[in-house]
N, C-alpha and C. Protein backbone atom coordinates (compact mmCIF):
# COMPACT_ATOMS: atom_id res chain seq x y z
N MET A 1 24.86 -67.40 -30.66
CA MET A 1 25.61 -67.98 -29.55
C MET A 1 27.01 -68.31 -30.05
N ASN A 2 27.99 -67.83 -29.33
CA ASN A 2 29.35 -68.10 -29.77
C ASN A 2 29.84 -69.44 -29.19
N SER A 3 31.01 -69.82 -29.63
CA SER A 3 31.57 -71.12 -29.27
C SER A 3 31.78 -71.26 -27.76
N MET A 4 32.24 -70.21 -27.10
CA MET A 4 32.48 -70.26 -25.66
C MET A 4 31.17 -70.42 -24.89
N ASP A 5 30.13 -69.74 -25.34
CA ASP A 5 28.82 -69.87 -24.70
C ASP A 5 28.30 -71.29 -24.85
N MET A 6 28.46 -71.86 -26.03
CA MET A 6 27.98 -73.22 -26.27
C MET A 6 28.75 -74.22 -25.41
N GLN A 7 30.05 -74.05 -25.29
CA GLN A 7 30.84 -74.95 -24.45
C GLN A 7 30.40 -74.87 -22.99
N GLU A 8 30.07 -73.67 -22.52
CA GLU A 8 29.60 -73.50 -21.14
C GLU A 8 28.22 -74.16 -20.96
N GLU A 9 27.36 -74.03 -21.95
CA GLU A 9 26.05 -74.67 -21.89
C GLU A 9 26.19 -76.19 -21.84
N ILE A 10 27.10 -76.73 -22.63
CA ILE A 10 27.35 -78.18 -22.63
C ILE A 10 27.90 -78.61 -21.28
N ARG A 11 28.82 -77.84 -20.73
CA ARG A 11 29.37 -78.17 -19.41
C ARG A 11 28.28 -78.21 -18.34
N GLU A 12 27.40 -77.21 -18.35
CA GLU A 12 26.32 -77.16 -17.38
C GLU A 12 25.35 -78.33 -17.55
N LEU A 13 25.03 -78.66 -18.80
CA LEU A 13 24.16 -79.80 -19.08
C LEU A 13 24.79 -81.09 -18.58
N ASN A 14 26.06 -81.29 -18.91
CA ASN A 14 26.77 -82.50 -18.47
C ASN A 14 26.83 -82.60 -16.95
N LEU A 15 27.11 -81.49 -16.30
CA LEU A 15 27.21 -81.49 -14.84
C LEU A 15 25.86 -81.84 -14.21
N ALA A 16 24.80 -81.23 -14.69
CA ALA A 16 23.46 -81.52 -14.17
C ALA A 16 23.09 -82.98 -14.41
N TYR A 17 23.38 -83.48 -15.61
CA TYR A 17 23.06 -84.87 -15.95
C TYR A 17 23.83 -85.85 -15.07
N LEU A 18 25.12 -85.65 -14.93
CA LEU A 18 25.94 -86.56 -14.13
C LEU A 18 25.54 -86.55 -12.65
N MET A 19 25.25 -85.37 -12.13
CA MET A 19 24.84 -85.29 -10.73
C MET A 19 23.49 -85.97 -10.52
N LEU A 20 22.56 -85.74 -11.43
CA LEU A 20 21.25 -86.40 -11.34
C LEU A 20 21.39 -87.90 -11.49
N ALA A 21 22.16 -88.35 -12.46
CA ALA A 21 22.34 -89.78 -12.69
C ALA A 21 22.95 -90.45 -11.46
N GLN A 22 23.93 -89.82 -10.87
CA GLN A 22 24.58 -90.40 -9.68
C GLN A 22 23.59 -90.48 -8.52
N GLN A 23 22.81 -89.44 -8.32
CA GLN A 23 21.81 -89.44 -7.25
C GLN A 23 20.78 -90.54 -7.49
N MET A 24 20.31 -90.68 -8.74
CA MET A 24 19.34 -91.71 -9.06
C MET A 24 19.89 -93.10 -8.79
N VAL A 25 21.13 -93.35 -9.22
CA VAL A 25 21.75 -94.66 -9.03
C VAL A 25 21.90 -94.96 -7.55
N ARG A 26 22.28 -93.99 -6.79
CA ARG A 26 22.48 -94.20 -5.35
C ARG A 26 21.16 -94.45 -4.63
N GLU A 27 20.08 -93.85 -5.09
CA GLU A 27 18.78 -94.02 -4.44
C GLU A 27 18.09 -95.32 -4.83
N ASP A 28 18.13 -95.66 -6.11
CA ASP A 28 17.46 -96.89 -6.58
C ASP A 28 18.12 -97.30 -7.89
N ARG A 29 19.10 -98.18 -7.78
CA ARG A 29 19.91 -98.59 -8.93
C ARG A 29 19.06 -99.13 -10.09
N GLU A 30 18.15 -100.04 -9.80
CA GLU A 30 17.35 -100.66 -10.87
C GLU A 30 16.49 -99.63 -11.60
N GLU A 31 15.83 -98.77 -10.84
CA GLU A 31 15.01 -97.75 -11.48
C GLU A 31 15.87 -96.78 -12.28
N ALA A 32 17.01 -96.41 -11.74
CA ALA A 32 17.92 -95.51 -12.46
C ALA A 32 18.39 -96.14 -13.77
N MET A 33 18.74 -97.41 -13.72
CA MET A 33 19.18 -98.09 -14.94
C MET A 33 18.08 -98.06 -15.99
N PHE A 34 16.84 -98.28 -15.56
CA PHE A 34 15.71 -98.25 -16.49
C PHE A 34 15.50 -96.84 -17.04
N ARG A 35 15.43 -95.87 -16.15
CA ARG A 35 15.13 -94.50 -16.58
C ARG A 35 16.25 -93.89 -17.42
N LEU A 36 17.49 -94.21 -17.10
CA LEU A 36 18.62 -93.65 -17.84
C LEU A 36 19.01 -94.49 -19.06
N GLY A 37 18.52 -95.73 -19.11
CA GLY A 37 18.87 -96.60 -20.24
C GLY A 37 20.32 -97.04 -20.19
N ILE A 38 20.82 -97.34 -18.99
CA ILE A 38 22.22 -97.73 -18.82
C ILE A 38 22.33 -99.14 -18.26
N SER A 39 23.47 -99.74 -18.46
CA SER A 39 23.73 -101.09 -17.95
C SER A 39 24.17 -101.02 -16.49
N ALA A 40 24.24 -102.16 -15.85
CA ALA A 40 24.71 -102.24 -14.47
C ALA A 40 26.16 -101.75 -14.38
N GLU A 41 26.93 -102.06 -15.39
CA GLU A 41 28.34 -101.64 -15.42
C GLU A 41 28.46 -100.11 -15.43
N VAL A 42 27.66 -99.47 -16.27
CA VAL A 42 27.69 -98.00 -16.34
C VAL A 42 27.15 -97.40 -15.05
N ALA A 43 26.09 -98.00 -14.49
CA ALA A 43 25.54 -97.51 -13.22
C ALA A 43 26.59 -97.57 -12.12
N GLU A 44 27.34 -98.65 -12.07
CA GLU A 44 28.39 -98.79 -11.06
C GLU A 44 29.47 -97.72 -11.25
N LEU A 45 29.83 -97.48 -12.49
CA LEU A 45 30.83 -96.45 -12.77
C LEU A 45 30.35 -95.08 -12.34
N ILE A 46 29.11 -94.74 -12.67
CA ILE A 46 28.54 -93.44 -12.31
C ILE A 46 28.46 -93.30 -10.79
N GLU A 47 28.05 -94.36 -10.12
CA GLU A 47 27.91 -94.31 -8.67
C GLU A 47 29.26 -94.02 -7.99
N GLY A 48 30.33 -94.55 -8.53
CA GLY A 48 31.63 -94.41 -7.92
C GLY A 48 32.41 -93.15 -8.28
N LEU A 49 31.85 -92.29 -9.11
CA LEU A 49 32.55 -91.07 -9.51
C LEU A 49 32.72 -90.11 -8.34
N SER A 50 33.90 -89.55 -8.22
CA SER A 50 34.15 -88.52 -7.21
C SER A 50 33.67 -87.18 -7.77
N THR A 51 33.58 -86.20 -6.90
CA THR A 51 33.17 -84.86 -7.32
C THR A 51 34.11 -84.29 -8.38
N SER A 52 35.41 -84.51 -8.19
CA SER A 52 36.37 -83.99 -9.17
C SER A 52 36.25 -84.72 -10.51
N GLN A 53 35.96 -86.02 -10.47
CA GLN A 53 35.77 -86.76 -11.71
C GLN A 53 34.53 -86.28 -12.45
N ILE A 54 33.46 -86.00 -11.71
CA ILE A 54 32.24 -85.48 -12.34
C ILE A 54 32.53 -84.13 -12.98
N ALA A 55 33.24 -83.26 -12.27
CA ALA A 55 33.57 -81.93 -12.82
C ALA A 55 34.43 -82.06 -14.07
N ARG A 56 35.40 -82.97 -14.04
CA ARG A 56 36.28 -83.16 -15.19
C ARG A 56 35.49 -83.70 -16.39
N MET A 57 34.62 -84.68 -16.14
CA MET A 57 33.81 -85.23 -17.23
C MET A 57 32.86 -84.18 -17.80
N ALA A 58 32.27 -83.36 -16.92
CA ALA A 58 31.33 -82.34 -17.36
C ALA A 58 32.00 -81.33 -18.29
N GLY A 59 33.29 -81.11 -18.11
CA GLY A 59 34.01 -80.14 -18.91
C GLY A 59 34.39 -80.59 -20.30
N THR A 60 34.08 -81.83 -20.66
CA THR A 60 34.39 -82.28 -22.02
C THR A 60 33.54 -81.50 -23.01
N GLN A 61 33.95 -81.45 -24.24
CA GLN A 61 33.24 -80.66 -25.24
C GLN A 61 32.14 -81.45 -25.95
N MET A 62 31.83 -82.63 -25.43
CA MET A 62 30.74 -83.38 -26.04
C MET A 62 29.62 -83.58 -25.03
N VAL A 63 28.41 -83.64 -25.50
CA VAL A 63 27.26 -83.86 -24.64
C VAL A 63 27.27 -85.33 -24.20
N LEU A 64 27.21 -85.56 -22.88
CA LEU A 64 27.34 -86.92 -22.35
C LEU A 64 26.03 -87.69 -22.33
N CYS A 65 24.91 -86.99 -22.25
CA CYS A 65 23.62 -87.70 -22.31
C CYS A 65 23.15 -87.70 -23.77
N ARG A 66 22.22 -88.60 -24.04
CA ARG A 66 21.71 -88.66 -25.41
C ARG A 66 20.24 -89.01 -25.39
N PHE A 67 19.56 -88.75 -26.50
CA PHE A 67 18.17 -89.15 -26.62
C PHE A 67 18.10 -90.66 -26.65
N ARG A 68 17.10 -91.23 -26.00
CA ARG A 68 16.95 -92.68 -25.97
C ARG A 68 16.15 -93.21 -27.15
N PHE A 69 15.84 -92.39 -28.07
CA PHE A 69 15.06 -92.84 -29.22
C PHE A 69 15.74 -92.39 -30.49
N ASP A 70 15.59 -93.21 -31.49
CA ASP A 70 16.17 -92.83 -32.77
C ASP A 70 15.19 -93.06 -33.92
N ASP A 71 13.91 -93.17 -33.57
CA ASP A 71 12.93 -93.29 -34.64
C ASP A 71 11.80 -92.29 -34.41
N THR A 72 11.17 -91.88 -35.48
CA THR A 72 10.14 -90.86 -35.39
C THR A 72 8.88 -91.36 -34.70
N ALA A 73 8.60 -92.67 -34.75
CA ALA A 73 7.40 -93.19 -34.11
C ALA A 73 7.44 -92.94 -32.60
N LEU A 74 8.58 -93.23 -31.99
CA LEU A 74 8.72 -93.00 -30.55
C LEU A 74 8.68 -91.51 -30.24
N LEU A 75 9.32 -90.70 -31.05
CA LEU A 75 9.29 -89.26 -30.85
C LEU A 75 7.86 -88.73 -30.94
N ASP A 76 7.10 -89.21 -31.92
CA ASP A 76 5.71 -88.79 -32.05
C ASP A 76 4.90 -89.17 -30.81
N MET A 77 5.15 -90.35 -30.25
CA MET A 77 4.43 -90.76 -29.05
C MET A 77 4.79 -89.87 -27.86
N LEU A 78 6.06 -89.53 -27.73
CA LEU A 78 6.48 -88.69 -26.61
C LEU A 78 5.88 -87.30 -26.69
N THR A 79 5.66 -86.82 -27.88
CA THR A 79 5.07 -85.49 -28.05
C THR A 79 3.55 -85.53 -28.09
N GLY A 80 2.97 -86.75 -28.04
CA GLY A 80 1.52 -86.89 -28.04
C GLY A 80 0.89 -86.70 -29.40
N LYS A 81 1.67 -86.76 -30.43
CA LYS A 81 1.19 -86.53 -31.79
C LYS A 81 0.28 -87.68 -32.25
N GLY A 82 -0.95 -87.35 -32.60
CA GLY A 82 -1.85 -88.33 -33.20
C GLY A 82 -2.48 -89.32 -32.22
N ARG A 83 -2.28 -89.16 -30.93
CA ARG A 83 -2.85 -90.08 -29.94
C ARG A 83 -3.34 -89.28 -28.75
N ASP A 84 -4.07 -89.98 -27.90
CA ASP A 84 -4.46 -89.41 -26.62
C ASP A 84 -3.20 -89.20 -25.80
N ALA A 85 -2.99 -87.99 -25.31
CA ALA A 85 -1.76 -87.65 -24.61
C ALA A 85 -1.51 -88.54 -23.40
N SER A 86 -2.55 -88.96 -22.72
CA SER A 86 -2.36 -89.78 -21.51
C SER A 86 -1.83 -91.17 -21.84
N THR A 87 -2.20 -91.72 -22.96
CA THR A 87 -1.71 -93.05 -23.32
C THR A 87 -0.43 -93.00 -24.15
N SER A 88 -0.16 -91.87 -24.79
CA SER A 88 1.05 -91.75 -25.60
C SER A 88 2.31 -91.90 -24.77
N ALA A 89 2.35 -91.22 -23.62
CA ALA A 89 3.53 -91.29 -22.77
C ALA A 89 3.75 -92.70 -22.25
N LEU A 90 2.67 -93.37 -21.88
CA LEU A 90 2.77 -94.75 -21.39
C LEU A 90 3.27 -95.68 -22.49
N HIS A 91 2.74 -95.54 -23.67
CA HIS A 91 3.15 -96.37 -24.80
C HIS A 91 4.62 -96.12 -25.14
N ALA A 92 5.02 -94.87 -25.11
CA ALA A 92 6.42 -94.53 -25.39
C ALA A 92 7.34 -95.13 -24.33
N ALA A 93 6.93 -95.09 -23.06
CA ALA A 93 7.75 -95.67 -21.99
C ALA A 93 7.92 -97.17 -22.18
N ILE A 94 6.86 -97.83 -22.60
CA ILE A 94 6.93 -99.27 -22.84
C ILE A 94 7.90 -99.57 -23.98
N LEU A 95 7.82 -98.81 -25.06
CA LEU A 95 8.73 -99.01 -26.19
C LEU A 95 10.18 -98.70 -25.80
N ALA A 96 10.39 -97.64 -25.04
CA ALA A 96 11.74 -97.27 -24.63
C ALA A 96 12.33 -98.33 -23.72
N ALA A 97 11.50 -98.94 -22.89
CA ALA A 97 11.99 -99.99 -21.98
C ALA A 97 12.50 -101.19 -22.73
N GLY A 98 12.00 -101.43 -23.92
CA GLY A 98 12.44 -102.55 -24.72
C GLY A 98 13.71 -102.31 -25.50
N GLN A 99 14.20 -101.07 -25.48
CA GLN A 99 15.43 -100.77 -26.21
C GLN A 99 16.64 -101.21 -25.41
N PRO A 100 17.71 -101.57 -26.10
CA PRO A 100 18.92 -102.01 -25.40
C PRO A 100 19.53 -100.88 -24.59
N VAL A 101 20.20 -101.24 -23.51
CA VAL A 101 20.85 -100.26 -22.65
C VAL A 101 22.24 -99.93 -23.18
N GLU A 102 22.76 -98.81 -22.73
CA GLU A 102 24.12 -98.40 -23.10
C GLU A 102 25.12 -99.26 -22.34
N ARG A 103 26.13 -99.70 -23.02
CA ARG A 103 27.19 -100.49 -22.40
C ARG A 103 28.52 -99.81 -22.68
N LEU A 104 29.48 -100.04 -21.81
CA LEU A 104 30.81 -99.51 -22.05
C LEU A 104 31.49 -100.33 -23.13
N ALA A 105 32.15 -99.66 -24.02
CA ALA A 105 32.81 -100.37 -25.11
C ALA A 105 34.22 -100.77 -24.73
């Protein structure tokens, strides 16, 4: 994959993420904040983005969404490694809910 292809893939990912995030926030702010791991301030910002602002943000060369976990224990639970798959996802969701939300710096 060349650099231009990767930049296009990042743009498409960012666009899909921002559009989904905005829709989620508009439909149910509290649930969106929980599912996206964002603060009320970030949710308000996402909700107020215009179409052109979303397109401009999507075109940045960095991925705007990120994994909500940074430890292998949570990753193992999400993949069902070593546990009953039906309880692993629930346990992972509980742990993820306890993690701090993203705030604007």
